[in-house]
């Protein structure tokens, strides 16, 4: 199968490309820059120049393929990147600004989904997109059968799922894979490095309030393997969960970080956590346990790589 992959050179995308090629598939990877194109060529993938906002490039990439895995997303969260995109400068985040930004980047994603879908219409080809478990209702063990909660921290992404599943009526096989907030492994540049950076900067490894809230997690290689299985065998209109650890208490994560950095470990109030973590504090306060039991039963997926705590204990996260 020739698979068009967006976000193909990212932390997860590069693992997906290698997983697909290792299983005998061809990969056509979306590349916005020369640097991305070179990375794809090095991995043995064919290069397709374009971007998430170049809808014609998405349509032509999808049309040239037997299936699509859509990993690309605008992940800019920093003040500078928001200011650059919107042409504004502000002293701190506000809910209104972040909601506006979220609507904008999800709008980009929905248009990308619709463009890819228009090229796949009537082909019954598989189209896999990724969302996040933080779109589920917090405070309970989320399953694949639970509806996404628009009021959750990641609930705005439910618009992407709606756009995906609308494609089923157009002769396409759309599937969604929900990833945990922590997809970990060597090369991670997301939440775990941000927690470590905040600990180094402030001289304390912190968690929010009592830290008993739970985060699911998965190793990126296990996630890549599941994405291939869904592409090959997934059922149209179905959501799957790429979850290995159902819920690791954030306090436990902070404790490992503190021990590795030889720093004290301390809970922070919501207000103080915002100062310590900046944008990350909102996510770190969420109780987001999630299950993948149904996914494992349906596809025979068995996570085999180290869990989050074991990966942190290995020490690679603390080398820089």
C-alpha atoms as a PDB file:
ATOM      1  CA  UNK A   1       0.000   0.000   0.000  1.00  0.00           C
ATOM      2  CA  UNK A   2       1.194   3.509  -0.790  1.00  0.00           C
ATOM      3  CA  UNK A   3       0.405   5.676   2.241  1.00  0.00           C
ATOM      4  CA  UNK A   4       0.267   9.465   2.290  1.00  0.00           C
ATOM      5  CA  UNK A   5       1.460  10.688   5.697  1.00  0.00           C
ATOM      6  CA  UNK A   6       1.156  14.254   6.959  1.00  0.00           C
ATOM      7  CA  UNK A   7       3.375  15.236   9.880  1.00  0.00           C
ATOM      8  CA  UNK A   8       5.715  12.540   8.601  1.00  0.00           C
ATOM      9  CA  UNK A   9       8.929  13.994  10.021  1.00  0.00           C
ATOM     10  CA  UNK A  10       7.615  14.727  13.510  1.00  0.00           C
ATOM     11  CA  UNK A  11       8.296  12.805  16.714  1.00  0.00           C
ATOM     12  CA  UNK A  12       5.426  10.383  16.093  1.00  0.00           C
ATOM     13  CA  UNK A  13       5.356  10.715  12.323  1.00  0.00           C
ATOM     14  CA  UNK A  14       8.940   9.574  11.829  1.00  0.00           C
ATOM     15  CA  UNK A  15       8.179   6.440  13.859  1.00  0.00           C
ATOM     16  CA  UNK A  16       5.071   5.832  11.731  1.00  0.00           C
ATOM     17  CA  UNK A  17       7.063   6.185   8.507  1.00  0.00           C
ATOM     18  CA  UNK A  18       9.595   3.602   9.703  1.00  0.00           C
ATOM     19  CA  UNK A  19       6.808   1.290  10.913  1.00  0.00           C
ATOM     20  CA  UNK A  20       5.043   1.446   7.548  1.00  0.00           C
ATOM     21  CA  UNK A  21       8.187   0.913   5.491  1.00  0.00           C
ATOM     22  CA  UNK A  22       9.228  -1.929   7.776  1.00  0.00           C
ATOM     23  CA  UNK A  23       5.901  -3.627   7.086  1.00  0.00           C
ATOM     24  CA  UNK A  24       6.380  -3.385   3.327  1.00  0.00           C
ATOM     25  CA  UNK A  25       4.340  -0.258   2.581  1.00  0.00           C
ATOM     26  CA  UNK A  26       5.489   2.712   0.508  1.00  0.00           C
ATOM     27  CA  UNK A  27       5.293   6.145   2.103  1.00  0.00           C
ATOM     28  CA  UNK A  28       4.564   9.483   0.480  1.00  0.00           C
ATOM     29  CA  UNK A  29       5.423  12.063   3.113  1.00  0.00           C
ATOM     30  CA  UNK A  30       4.245  15.671   3.193  1.00  0.00           C
ATOM     31  CA  UNK A  31       7.194  18.078   3.426  1.00  0.00           C
ATOM     32  CA  UNK A  32       6.920  21.828   3.921  1.00  0.00           C
ATOM     33  CA  UNK A  33      10.667  22.541   4.034  1.00  0.00           C
ATOM     34  CA  UNK A  34      13.872  21.310   2.445  1.00  0.00           C
ATOM     35  CA  UNK A  35      14.924  19.991   5.839  1.00  0.00           C
ATOM     36  CA  UNK A  36      11.784  17.861   6.106  1.00  0.00           C
ATOM     37  CA  UNK A  37      12.245  16.609   2.548  1.00  0.00           C
ATOM     38  CA  UNK A  38      15.797  15.500   3.339  1.00  0.00           C
ATOM     39  CA  UNK A  39      14.617  13.649   6.453  1.00  0.00           C
ATOM     40  CA  UNK A  40      11.978  11.801   4.471  1.00  0.00           C
ATOM     41  CA  UNK A  41      14.445  10.781   1.782  1.00  0.00           C
ATOM     42  CA  UNK A  42      16.838   9.509   4.450  1.00  0.00           C
ATOM     43  CA  UNK A  43      14.059   7.342   5.899  1.00  0.00           C
ATOM     44  CA  UNK A  44      13.326   5.874   2.480  1.00  0.00           C
ATOM     45  CA  UNK A  45      10.065   7.752   1.847  1.00  0.00           C
ATOM     46  CA  UNK A  46       8.941   9.616  -1.256  1.00  0.00           C
ATOM     47  CA  UNK A  47       8.635  13.387  -0.807  1.00  0.00           C
ATOM     48  CA  UNK A  48       5.442  15.328  -1.504  1.00  0.00           C
ATOM     49  CA  UNK A  49       5.943  19.078  -1.166  1.00  0.00           C
ATOM     50  CA  UNK A  50       3.174  21.098   0.461  1.00  0.00           C
ATOM     51  CA  UNK A  51       1.687  22.082   3.797  1.00  0.00           C
ATOM     52  CA  UNK A  52      -1.457  21.719   5.902  1.00  0.00           C
ATOM     53  CA  UNK A  53      -2.733  25.039   4.590  1.00  0.00           C
ATOM     54  CA  UNK A  54      -1.944  24.169   0.953  1.00  0.00           C
ATOM     55  CA  UNK A  55      -5.153  22.263   0.294  1.00  0.00           C
ATOM     56  CA  UNK A  56      -4.255  21.456  -3.303  1.00  0.00           C
ATOM     57  CA  UNK A  57      -1.111  19.653  -2.099  1.00  0.00           C
ATOM     58  CA  UNK A  58      -3.187  17.626   0.355  1.00  0.00           C
ATOM     59  CA  UNK A  59      -5.664  16.633  -2.334  1.00  0.00           C
ATOM     60  CA  UNK A  60      -2.954  15.573  -4.777  1.00  0.00           C
ATOM     61  CA  UNK A  61      -1.054  13.629  -2.106  1.00  0.00           C
ATOM     62  CA  UNK A  62      -4.177  11.746  -1.062  1.00  0.00           C
ATOM     63  CA  UNK A  63      -5.195  11.070  -4.660  1.00  0.00           C
ATOM     64  CA  UNK A  64      -1.800   9.498  -5.361  1.00  0.00           C
ATOM     65  CA  UNK A  65      -2.082   7.094  -2.416  1.00  0.00           C
ATOM     66  CA  UNK A  66      -3.944   3.982  -1.310  1.00  0.00           C
ATOM     67  CA  UNK A  67      -4.526   5.343   2.190  1.00  0.00           C
ATOM     68  CA  UNK A  68      -3.769   8.317   4.440  1.00  0.00           C
ATOM     69  CA  UNK A  69      -2.472   8.803   7.968  1.00  0.00           C
ATOM     70  CA  UNK A  70      -3.011  12.413   9.015  1.00  0.00           C
ATOM     71  CA  UNK A  71      -0.622  13.352  11.834  1.00  0.00           C
ATOM     72  CA  UNK A  72       0.099  16.956  10.902  1.00  0.00           C
ATOM     73  CA  UNK A  73      -1.316  19.652  13.180  1.00  0.00           C
ATOM     74  CA  UNK A  74      -0.477  23.236  14.107  1.00  0.00           C
ATOM     75  CA  UNK A  75       0.967  22.807  17.604  1.00  0.00           C
ATOM     76  CA  UNK A  76       2.215  26.351  18.221  1.00  0.00           C
ATOM     77  CA  UNK A  77       1.441  27.221  21.836  1.00  0.00           C
ATOM     78  CA  UNK A  78       3.960  29.893  22.733  1.00  0.00           C
ATOM     79  CA  UNK A  79       3.136  33.590  22.949  1.00  0.00           C
ATOM     80  CA  UNK A  80       5.598  34.481  20.217  1.00  0.00           C
ATOM     81  CA  UNK A  81       4.090  32.012  17.723  1.00  0.00           C
ATOM     82  CA  UNK A  82       0.538  33.126  18.533  1.00  0.00           C
ATOM     83  CA  UNK A  83       1.534  36.770  18.179  1.00  0.00           C
ATOM     84  CA  UNK A  84       3.208  36.028  14.855  1.00  0.00           C
ATOM     85  CA  UNK A  85       0.165  34.207  13.471  1.00  0.00           C
ATOM     86  CA  UNK A  86      -2.378  36.773  14.680  1.00  0.00           C
ATOM     87  CA  UNK A  87      -0.209  39.890  14.570  1.00  0.00           C
ATOM     88  CA  UNK A  88      -0.740  40.629  18.264  1.00  0.00           C
ATOM     89  CA  UNK A  89       1.418  41.113  21.316  1.00  0.00           C
ATOM     90  CA  UNK A  90       0.070  40.488  24.797  1.00  0.00           C
ATOM     91  CA  UNK A  91       1.468  40.161  28.283  1.00  0.00           C
ATOM     92  CA  UNK A  92      -0.114  36.833  29.219  1.00  0.00           C
ATOM     93  CA  UNK A  93      -2.528  34.168  28.095  1.00  0.00           C
ATOM     94  CA  UNK A  94      -6.257  34.735  28.426  1.00  0.00           C
ATOM     95  CA  UNK A  95      -8.985  32.153  27.903  1.00  0.00           C
ATOM     96  CA  UNK A  96     -10.434  34.249  25.107  1.00  0.00           C
ATOM     97  CA  UNK A  97      -7.146  34.430  23.200  1.00  0.00           C
ATOM     98  CA  UNK A  98      -6.464  30.710  23.605  1.00  0.00           C
ATOM     99  CA  UNK A  99     -10.031  29.832  22.562  1.00  0.00           C
ATOM    100  CA  UNK A 100      -9.669  31.996  19.482  1.00  0.00           C
ATOM    101  CA  UNK A 101      -6.314  30.424  18.673  1.00  0.00           C
ATOM    102  CA  UNK A 102      -7.730  26.940  19.234  1.00  0.00           C
ATOM    103  CA  UNK A 103     -10.626  27.600  16.887  1.00  0.00           C
ATOM    104  CA  UNK A 104      -8.193  28.832  14.255  1.00  0.00           C
ATOM    105  CA  UNK A 105      -5.867  25.829  14.356  1.00  0.00           C
ATOM    106  CA  UNK A 106      -8.740  23.348  14.529  1.00  0.00           C
ATOM    107  CA  UNK A 107     -10.283  25.184  11.596  1.00  0.00           C
ATOM    108  CA  UNK A 108      -7.077  24.531   9.655  1.00  0.00           C
ATOM    109  CA  UNK A 109      -7.318  20.855  10.580  1.00  0.00           C
ATOM    110  CA  UNK A 110     -10.962  20.541   9.539  1.00  0.00           C
ATOM    111  CA  UNK A 111     -10.209  22.112   6.149  1.00  0.00           C
ATOM    112  CA  UNK A 112      -7.283  19.713   5.721  1.00  0.00           C
ATOM    113  CA  UNK A 113      -9.525  16.737   6.564  1.00  0.00           C
ATOM    114  CA  UNK A 114     -12.144  17.888   4.076  1.00  0.00           C
ATOM    115  CA  UNK A 115      -9.520  18.415   1.350  1.00  0.00           C
ATOM    116  CA  UNK A 116      -8.067  14.928   1.840  1.00  0.00           C
ATOM    117  CA  UNK A 117     -11.579  13.504   1.955  1.00  0.00           C
ATOM    118  CA  UNK A 118     -12.517  15.135  -1.346  1.00  0.00           C
ATOM    119  CA  UNK A 119      -9.641  13.283  -3.019  1.00  0.00           C
ATOM    120  CA  UNK A 120     -10.575   9.939  -1.452  1.00  0.00           C
ATOM    121  CA  UNK A 121     -14.333  10.111  -2.063  1.00  0.00           C
ATOM    122  CA  UNK A 122     -15.780   6.920  -3.552  1.00  0.00           C
ATOM    123  CA  UNK A 123     -12.558   4.912  -3.193  1.00  0.00           C
ATOM    124  CA  UNK A 124     -13.244   3.165   0.157  1.00  0.00           C
ATOM    125  CA  UNK A 125      -9.609   3.882   1.013  1.00  0.00           C
ATOM    126  CA  UNK A 126      -8.565   4.123   4.688  1.00  0.00           C
ATOM    127  CA  UNK A 127      -8.083   7.551   6.223  1.00  0.00           C
ATOM    128  CA  UNK A 128      -6.664   7.640   9.764  1.00  0.00           C
ATOM    129  CA  UNK A 129      -6.518  10.791  11.885  1.00  0.00           C
ATOM    130  CA  UNK A 130      -5.165  11.322  15.401  1.00  0.00           C
ATOM    131  CA  UNK A 131      -6.852  13.150  18.267  1.00  0.00           C
ATOM    132  CA  UNK A 132      -6.143  13.114  22.008  1.00  0.00           C
ATOM    133  CA  UNK A 133      -7.554  11.460  25.102  1.00  0.00           C
ATOM    134  CA  UNK A 134      -7.790  14.926  26.657  1.00  0.00           C
ATOM    135  CA  UNK A 135     -10.850  15.380  24.463  1.00  0.00           C
ATOM    136  CA  UNK A 136     -12.620  12.862  26.722  1.00  0.00           C
ATOM    137  CA  UNK A 137     -14.604  13.750  29.834  1.00  0.00           C
ATOM    138  CA  UNK A 138     -12.105  14.151  32.719  1.00  0.00           C
ATOM    139  CA  UNK A 139     -12.247  12.351  36.045  1.00  0.00           C
ATOM    140  CA  UNK A 140     -13.316   8.935  34.756  1.00  0.00           C
ATOM    141  CA  UNK A 141     -11.651   6.094  32.857  1.00  0.00           C
ATOM    142  CA  UNK A 142     -12.299   7.012  29.241  1.00  0.00           C
ATOM    143  CA  UNK A 143     -13.064   4.251  26.750  1.00  0.00           C
ATOM    144  CA  UNK A 144     -13.321   4.087  22.989  1.00  0.00           C
ATOM    145  CA  UNK A 145     -17.114   4.150  23.253  1.00  0.00           C
ATOM    146  CA  UNK A 146     -17.288   7.389  25.237  1.00  0.00           C
ATOM    147  CA  UNK A 147     -18.351  10.471  23.310  1.00  0.00           C
ATOM    148  CA  UNK A 148     -15.798  13.252  23.205  1.00  0.00           C
ATOM    149  CA  UNK A 149     -16.564  16.086  25.616  1.00  0.00           C
ATOM    150  CA  UNK A 150     -16.547  19.518  23.896  1.00  0.00           C
ATOM    151  CA  UNK A 151     -16.072  21.188  27.310  1.00  0.00           C
ATOM    152  CA  UNK A 152     -12.906  19.219  28.158  1.00  0.00           C
ATOM    153  CA  UNK A 153      -9.421  20.702  27.855  1.00  0.00           C
ATOM    154  CA  UNK A 154      -8.991  19.107  24.435  1.00  0.00           C
ATOM    155  CA  UNK A 155     -12.677  19.147  23.556  1.00  0.00           C
ATOM    156  CA  UNK A 156     -12.276  21.551  20.681  1.00  0.00           C
ATOM    157  CA  UNK A 157     -10.746  18.672  18.714  1.00  0.00           C
ATOM    158  CA  UNK A 158     -14.164  16.996  18.654  1.00  0.00           C
ATOM    159  CA  UNK A 159     -14.761  19.188  15.589  1.00  0.00           C
ATOM    160  CA  UNK A 160     -12.038  17.248  13.793  1.00  0.00           C
ATOM    161  CA  UNK A 161     -13.621  13.923  14.720  1.00  0.00           C
ATOM    162  CA  UNK A 162     -17.000  15.117  13.464  1.00  0.00           C
ATOM    163  CA  UNK A 163     -15.414  16.091  10.150  1.00  0.00           C
ATOM    164  CA  UNK A 164     -13.670  12.725   9.935  1.00  0.00           C
ATOM    165  CA  UNK A 165     -16.707  10.566  10.562  1.00  0.00           C
ATOM    166  CA  UNK A 166     -18.821  12.627   8.146  1.00  0.00           C
ATOM    167  CA  UNK A 167     -16.608  11.171   5.407  1.00  0.00           C
ATOM    168  CA  UNK A 168     -17.965   7.650   5.951  1.00  0.00           C
ATOM    169  CA  UNK A 169     -21.029   8.536   3.887  1.00  0.00           C
ATOM    170  CA  UNK A 170     -18.773   9.568   0.980  1.00  0.00           C
ATOM    171  CA  UNK A 171     -17.248   6.183   0.259  1.00  0.00           C
ATOM    172  CA  UNK A 172     -14.210   6.594   2.509  1.00  0.00           C
ATOM    173  CA  UNK A 173     -13.059   4.479   5.467  1.00  0.00           C
ATOM    174  CA  UNK A 174     -12.342   7.101   8.188  1.00  0.00           C
ATOM    175  CA  UNK A 175     -10.865   6.054  11.564  1.00  0.00           C
ATOM    176  CA  UNK A 176      -9.612   8.034  14.559  1.00  0.00           C
ATOM    177  CA  UNK A 177      -6.826   7.125  16.987  1.00  0.00           C
ATOM    178  CA  UNK A 178      -6.767   8.978  20.313  1.00  0.00           C
ATOM    179  CA  UNK A 179      -3.258   9.503  21.661  1.00  0.00           C
ATOM    180  CA  UNK A 180      -2.490  10.209  25.333  1.00  0.00           C
ATOM    181  CA  UNK A 181      -1.068  13.613  26.293  1.00  0.00           C
ATOM    182  CA  UNK A 182       2.243  11.853  26.845  1.00  0.00           C
ATOM    183  CA  UNK A 183       3.614   9.989  23.843  1.00  0.00           C
ATOM    184  CA  UNK A 184       7.106   9.335  25.102  1.00  0.00           C
ATOM    185  CA  UNK A 185      10.455   8.044  23.901  1.00  0.00           C
ATOM    186  CA  UNK A 186      13.824   9.329  22.727  1.00  0.00           C
ATOM    187  CA  UNK A 187      13.416  12.646  20.920  1.00  0.00           C
ATOM    188  CA  UNK A 188      10.289  13.731  22.802  1.00  0.00           C
ATOM    189  CA  UNK A 189       9.908  17.530  22.835  1.00  0.00           C
ATOM    190  CA  UNK A 190       6.472  17.850  24.429  1.00  0.00           C
ATOM    191  CA  UNK A 191       5.069  17.612  27.966  1.00  0.00           C
ATOM    192  CA  UNK A 192       7.794  15.637  29.746  1.00  0.00           C
ATOM    193  CA  UNK A 193      10.626  17.910  28.550  1.00  0.00           C
ATOM    194  CA  UNK A 194       8.482  20.912  29.504  1.00  0.00           C
ATOM    195  CA  UNK A 195       8.057  19.582  33.055  1.00  0.00           C
ATOM    196  CA  UNK A 196      11.798  18.949  33.298  1.00  0.00           C
ATOM    197  CA  UNK A 197      12.615  22.405  31.946  1.00  0.00           C
ATOM    198  CA  UNK A 198      10.287  24.040  34.479  1.00  0.00           C
ATOM    199  CA  UNK A 199      11.888  22.047  37.311  1.00  0.00           C
ATOM    200  CA  UNK A 200      15.388  23.137  36.287  1.00  0.00           C
ATOM    201  CA  UNK A 201      14.341  26.755  35.915  1.00  0.00           C
ATOM    202  CA  UNK A 202      12.525  26.983  39.259  1.00  0.00           C
ATOM    203  CA  UNK A 203      14.658  24.654  41.365  1.00  0.00           C
ATOM    204  CA  UNK A 204      11.742  22.406  42.263  1.00  0.00           C
ATOM    205  CA  UNK A 205       9.921  19.545  40.553  1.00  0.00           C
ATOM    206  CA  UNK A 206       6.268  20.469  40.884  1.00  0.00           C
ATOM    207  CA  UNK A 207       2.802  19.062  40.380  1.00  0.00           C
ATOM    208  CA  UNK A 208      -0.593  20.768  40.601  1.00  0.00           C
ATOM    209  CA  UNK A 209      -2.486  20.643  43.925  1.00  0.00           C
ATOM    210  CA  UNK A 210      -2.212  17.084  45.354  1.00  0.00           C
ATOM    211  CA  UNK A 211      -0.954  15.529  42.111  1.00  0.00           C
ATOM    212  CA  UNK A 212      -3.218  12.480  42.289  1.00  0.00           C
ATOM    213  CA  UNK A 213      -4.728  13.238  38.876  1.00  0.00           C
ATOM    214  CA  UNK A 214      -3.732  10.662  36.287  1.00  0.00           C
ATOM    215  CA  UNK A 215      -2.239  10.863  32.812  1.00  0.00           C
ATOM    216  CA  UNK A 216      -2.322   8.017  30.282  1.00  0.00           C
ATOM    217  CA  UNK A 217       0.799   7.422  28.233  1.00  0.00           C
ATOM    218  CA  UNK A 218       2.202   5.379  25.355  1.00  0.00           C
ATOM    219  CA  UNK A 219       5.638   4.859  23.834  1.00  0.00           C
ATOM    220  CA  UNK A 220       5.849   6.379  20.361  1.00  0.00           C
ATOM    221  CA  UNK A 221       6.861   3.046  18.795  1.00  0.00           C
ATOM    222  CA  UNK A 222       3.782   1.349  20.236  1.00  0.00           C
ATOM    223  CA  UNK A 223       1.652   4.225  18.945  1.00  0.00           C
ATOM    224  CA  UNK A 224       3.190   3.894  15.482  1.00  0.00           C
ATOM    225  CA  UNK A 225       2.449   0.171  15.442  1.00  0.00           C
ATOM    226  CA  UNK A 226      -1.201   0.763  16.332  1.00  0.00           C
ATOM    227  CA  UNK A 227      -1.592   3.409  13.639  1.00  0.00           C
ATOM    228  CA  UNK A 228      -0.428   0.865  11.055  1.00  0.00           C
ATOM    229  CA  UNK A 229      -2.851  -1.758  12.385  1.00  0.00           C
ATOM    230  CA  UNK A 230      -5.736   0.714  12.196  1.00  0.00           C
ATOM    231  CA  UNK A 231      -4.778   1.675   8.642  1.00  0.00           C
ATOM    232  CA  UNK A 232      -4.693  -1.971   7.595  1.00  0.00           C
ATOM    233  CA  UNK A 233      -7.576  -3.434   9.593  1.00  0.00           C
ATOM    234  CA  UNK A 234      -9.600  -0.646  11.222  1.00  0.00           C
ATOM    235  CA  UNK A 235     -13.367  -0.378  10.898  1.00  0.00           C
ATOM    236  CA  UNK A 236     -14.866   2.693   9.249  1.00  0.00           C
ATOM    237  CA  UNK A 237     -16.251   5.297  11.657  1.00  0.00           C
ATOM    238  CA  UNK A 238     -14.427   3.853  14.665  1.00  0.00           C
ATOM    239  CA  UNK A 239     -12.285   5.452  17.356  1.00  0.00           C
ATOM    240  CA  UNK A 240      -9.318   3.554  18.788  1.00  0.00           C
ATOM    241  CA  UNK A 241      -7.125   4.342  21.814  1.00  0.00           C
ATOM    242  CA  UNK A 242      -3.321   4.234  21.696  1.00  0.00           C
ATOM    243  CA  UNK A 243      -2.943   3.858  25.459  1.00  0.00           C
ATOM    244  CA  UNK A 244      -0.373   1.719  27.273  1.00  0.00           C
ATOM    245  CA  UNK A 245      -0.343   3.243  30.790  1.00  0.00           C
ATOM    246  CA  UNK A 246      -3.982   3.896  31.716  1.00  0.00           C
ATOM    247  CA  UNK A 247      -3.152   6.576  34.249  1.00  0.00           C
ATOM    248  CA  UNK A 248       0.116   7.606  35.888  1.00  0.00           C
ATOM    249  CA  UNK A 249      -0.341  10.045  38.812  1.00  0.00           C
ATOM    250  CA  UNK A 250       1.307  13.355  37.918  1.00  0.00           C
ATOM    251  CA  UNK A 251       2.884  13.425  41.386  1.00  0.00           C
ATOM    252  CA  UNK A 252       4.685  10.177  40.536  1.00  0.00           C
ATOM    253  CA  UNK A 253       6.043  11.743  37.358  1.00  0.00           C
ATOM    254  CA  UNK A 254       7.218  14.813  39.287  1.00  0.00           C
ATOM    255  CA  UNK A 255       8.865  12.566  41.889  1.00  0.00           C
ATOM    256  CA  UNK A 256      10.992  10.820  39.275  1.00  0.00           C
ATOM    257  CA  UNK A 257      11.983  14.164  37.779  1.00  0.00           C
ATOM    258  CA  UNK A 258      12.905  15.509  41.216  1.00  0.00           C
ATOM    259  CA  UNK A 259      15.034  12.487  42.035  1.00  0.00           C
ATOM    260  CA  UNK A 260      16.808  12.551  38.680  1.00  0.00           C
ATOM    261  CA  UNK A 261      17.583  16.273  39.022  1.00  0.00           C
ATOM    262  CA  UNK A 262      18.255  16.120  42.770  1.00  0.00           C
ATOM    263  CA  UNK A 263      15.534  18.701  43.380  1.00  0.00           C
ATOM    264  CA  UNK A 264      12.732  18.892  45.968  1.00  0.00           C
ATOM    265  CA  UNK A 265       9.269  17.761  44.881  1.00  0.00           C
ATOM    266  CA  UNK A 266       6.361  20.013  45.782  1.00  0.00           C
ATOM    267  CA  UNK A 267       2.689  20.532  45.041  1.00  0.00           C
ATOM    268  CA  UNK A 268       1.660  23.941  43.728  1.00  0.00           C
ATOM    269  CA  UNK A 269      -1.711  25.643  44.004  1.00  0.00           C
ATOM    270  CA  UNK A 270      -3.482  26.313  40.735  1.00  0.00           C
ATOM    271  CA  UNK A 271      -2.341  29.950  40.860  1.00  0.00           C
ATOM    272  CA  UNK A 272       1.290  29.128  41.674  1.00  0.00           C
ATOM    273  CA  UNK A 273       1.347  26.300  39.140  1.00  0.00           C
ATOM    274  CA  UNK A 274       0.451  28.785  36.408  1.00  0.00           C
ATOM    275  CA  UNK A 275       3.574  30.764  37.290  1.00  0.00           C
ATOM    276  CA  UNK A 276       5.741  27.641  37.526  1.00  0.00           C
ATOM    277  CA  UNK A 277       4.554  25.854  34.367  1.00  0.00           C
ATOM    278  CA  UNK A 278       3.024  28.655  32.253  1.00  0.00           C
ATOM    279  CA  UNK A 279       0.694  27.109  29.595  1.00  0.00           C
ATOM    280  CA  UNK A 280       1.437  23.565  30.782  1.00  0.00           C
ATOM    281  CA  UNK A 281      -0.319  24.027  34.139  1.00  0.00           C
ATOM    282  CA  UNK A 282      -3.804  23.781  32.612  1.00  0.00           C
ATOM    283  CA  UNK A 283      -3.042  20.354  31.181  1.00  0.00           C
ATOM    284  CA  UNK A 284      -1.146  19.059  34.220  1.00  0.00           C
ATOM    285  CA  UNK A 285      -4.184  19.623  36.431  1.00  0.00           C
ATOM    286  CA  UNK A 286      -6.442  17.349  34.354  1.00  0.00           C
ATOM    287  CA  UNK A 287      -7.390  13.858  35.543  1.00  0.00           C
ATOM    288  CA  UNK A 288      -7.370  11.966  32.233  1.00  0.00           C
ATOM    289  CA  UNK A 289      -7.202   8.178  32.729  1.00  0.00           C
ATOM    290  CA  UNK A 290      -8.027   6.213  29.577  1.00  0.00           C
ATOM    291  CA  UNK A 291      -8.330   2.573  28.563  1.00  0.00           C
ATOM    292  CA  UNK A 292      -7.342   0.746  25.369  1.00  0.00           C
ATOM    293  CA  UNK A 293      -8.747  -2.655  26.356  1.00  0.00           C
ATOM    294  CA  UNK A 294     -11.283  -2.677  23.510  1.00  0.00           C
ATOM    295  CA  UNK A 295      -8.681  -1.551  20.970  1.00  0.00           C
ATOM    296  CA  UNK A 296      -6.314  -4.296  22.047  1.00  0.00           C
ATOM    297  CA  UNK A 297      -9.059  -6.905  21.745  1.00  0.00           C
ATOM    298  CA  UNK A 298     -10.178  -5.736  18.309  1.00  0.00           C
ATOM    299  CA  UNK A 299      -6.772  -5.371  16.648  1.00  0.00           C
ATOM    300  CA  UNK A 300      -4.483  -7.624  18.673  1.00  0.00           C
ATOM    301  CA  UNK A 301      -2.361  -4.637  19.634  1.00  0.00           C
ATOM    302  CA  UNK A 302      -0.121  -5.247  22.643  1.00  0.00           C
ATOM    303  CA  UNK A 303       2.141  -2.392  23.820  1.00  0.00           C
ATOM    304  CA  UNK A 304       5.614  -3.849  24.251  1.00  0.00           C
ATOM    305  CA  UNK A 305       7.901  -0.878  24.866  1.00  0.00           C
ATOM    306  CA  UNK A 306       8.769   0.712  28.238  1.00  0.00           C
ATOM    307  CA  UNK A 307       6.056   2.564  30.136  1.00  0.00           C
ATOM    308  CA  UNK A 308       6.368   6.233  31.005  1.00  0.00           C
ATOM    309  CA  UNK A 309       8.000   5.830  34.424  1.00  0.00           C
ATOM    310  CA  UNK A 310      10.482   3.253  33.109  1.00  0.00           C
ATOM    311  CA  UNK A 311      11.316   5.566  30.214  1.00  0.00           C
ATOM    312  CA  UNK A 312      11.967   8.468  32.601  1.00  0.00           C
ATOM    313  CA  UNK A 313      14.047   6.236  34.857  1.00  0.00           C
ATOM    314  CA  UNK A 314      16.217   5.311  31.875  1.00  0.00           C
ATOM    315  CA  UNK A 315      17.599   8.830  32.005  1.00  0.00           C
ATOM    316  CA  UNK A 316      17.629   9.904  28.359  1.00  0.00           C
ATOM    317  CA  UNK A 317      15.201  12.725  29.131  1.00  0.00           C
ATOM    318  CA  UNK A 318      17.783  14.294  31.448  1.00  0.00           C
ATOM    319  CA  UNK A 319      20.827  14.229  29.170  1.00  0.00           C
ATOM    320  CA  UNK A 320      20.359  17.768  27.858  1.00  0.00           C
END
